[in-house]
Structures are given as C-alpha cells and as structure tokens.
Amino acid sequence: MGYDLQLVGGVLLLIFGFVGVANSYVDQRSPLYSLIGMLVGGALILWAWLLSGQTLTANQIPNAIFRVIGYWLY
C-alpha cells in the first residue's frame, strides 16, 4: 500500500480535470483550475511511480483501486 493512495488520487484528479476542461470549453470559460488539477494528478502519478521503484505499469491501477477500497472498508 506504499503508493496506492497517490496512484488512485492522481488518476481521479486526472479524470475530473479532463472532464472539467471539457466542461470549461463548452461553457466558454477559463479551464485554469481544471488544468491545475490535472497537473497535480500527474504529479501524484509521478510520485507513485517513483515510490514503486519505477516499476509501475498501467495494469496495476485496478489492483491499487481495490486495495484502497479494501483499506477504507476495514
């Protein structure tokens, strides 16, 4: 569980940031806060990659999500 929270948080921020950028363009307003959220999400994923010893792959994301859910439920 060394890097799971950073990985899951980063993925969630990237997803929400992408949706926020798309919504900003549709509403014709500034996407600044969404872009900042995406940058923070990318930094969290980079931090998780560094904590994992640079062996993190995309197929470990679902396992990390379930470990975080299990951690919060028990």
Protein backbone atom coordinates (compact mmCIF):
# COMPACT_ATOMS: atom_id res chain seq x y z
CA MET A 1 0.00 0.00 0.00
CA GLY A 2 3.05 2.21 -0.33
CA TYR A 3 1.96 4.07 -3.43
CA ASP A 4 -1.69 3.10 -3.88
CA LEU A 5 -3.20 6.26 -2.41
CA GLN A 6 -1.06 8.51 -4.61
CA LEU A 7 -1.87 6.46 -7.70
CA VAL A 8 -5.62 6.38 -7.12
CA GLY A 9 -5.75 10.06 -6.15
CA GLY A 10 -3.75 11.02 -9.22
CA VAL A 11 -5.95 9.03 -11.56
CA LEU A 12 -9.10 10.55 -10.06
CA LEU A 13 -7.71 14.09 -10.36
CA LEU A 14 -6.75 13.46 -13.97
CA ILE A 15 -10.22 12.17 -14.81
CA PHE A 16 -12.01 15.01 -13.02
CA GLY A 17 -9.62 17.54 -14.52
CA PHE A 18 -10.24 16.27 -18.04
CA VAL A 19 -13.99 16.47 -17.51
CA GLY A 20 -13.59 19.97 -16.07
CA VAL A 21 -11.52 21.14 -19.06
CA ALA A 22 -14.13 19.80 -21.48
CA ASN A 23 -16.89 21.47 -19.48
CA SER A 24 -14.96 24.75 -19.45
CA TYR A 25 -14.63 24.77 -23.21
CA VAL A 26 -18.32 24.02 -23.67
CA ASP A 27 -19.32 26.83 -21.28
CA GLN A 28 -16.67 29.17 -22.77
CA ARG A 29 -14.89 29.93 -19.51
CA SER A 30 -11.33 29.57 -18.29
CA PRO A 31 -10.11 25.99 -17.70
CA LEU A 32 -7.38 27.18 -15.29
CA TYR A 33 -8.47 25.29 -12.17
CA SER A 34 -9.12 22.11 -14.11
CA LEU A 35 -5.67 22.31 -15.68
CA ILE A 36 -4.11 22.82 -12.25
CA GLY A 37 -6.00 19.74 -11.03
CA MET A 38 -4.68 17.75 -13.97
CA LEU A 39 -1.12 18.89 -13.20
CA VAL A 40 -1.50 17.86 -9.56
CA GLY A 41 -2.92 14.49 -10.67
CA GLY A 42 0.02 13.95 -13.00
CA ALA A 43 2.42 14.86 -10.19
CA LEU A 44 0.73 12.34 -7.88
CA ILE A 45 1.07 9.62 -10.51
CA LEU A 46 4.74 10.53 -10.99
CA TRP A 47 5.24 10.37 -7.22
CA ALA A 48 3.59 6.93 -7.11
CA TRP A 49 5.85 5.79 -9.96
CA LEU A 50 8.92 6.95 -8.04
CA LEU A 51 7.71 5.26 -4.82
CA SER A 52 7.18 1.97 -6.66
CA GLY A 53 10.81 1.87 -7.75
CA GLN A 54 9.94 2.90 -11.31
CA THR A 55 8.22 -0.42 -11.99
CA LEU A 56 4.65 0.87 -12.07
CA THR A 57 2.57 -0.22 -15.07
CA ALA A 58 -0.97 0.59 -16.19
CA ASN A 59 -2.30 -2.86 -15.30
CA GLN A 60 -1.57 -2.20 -11.60
CA ILE A 61 -4.13 0.61 -11.40
CA PRO A 62 -7.22 -1.64 -10.87
CA ASN A 63 -5.40 -3.58 -8.15
CA ALA A 64 -4.48 -0.32 -6.41
CA ILE A 65 -8.10 0.87 -6.58
CA PHE A 66 -9.36 -2.32 -4.92
CA ARG A 67 -6.61 -2.17 -2.25
CA VAL A 68 -7.62 1.41 -1.40
CA ILE A 69 -11.31 0.44 -1.23
CA GLY A 70 -10.41 -2.50 1.00
CA TYR A 71 -8.26 -0.28 3.19
CA TRP A 72 -11.11 2.20 3.76
CA LEU A 73 -13.71 -0.50 4.39
CA TYR A 74 -11.75 -2.39 7.05
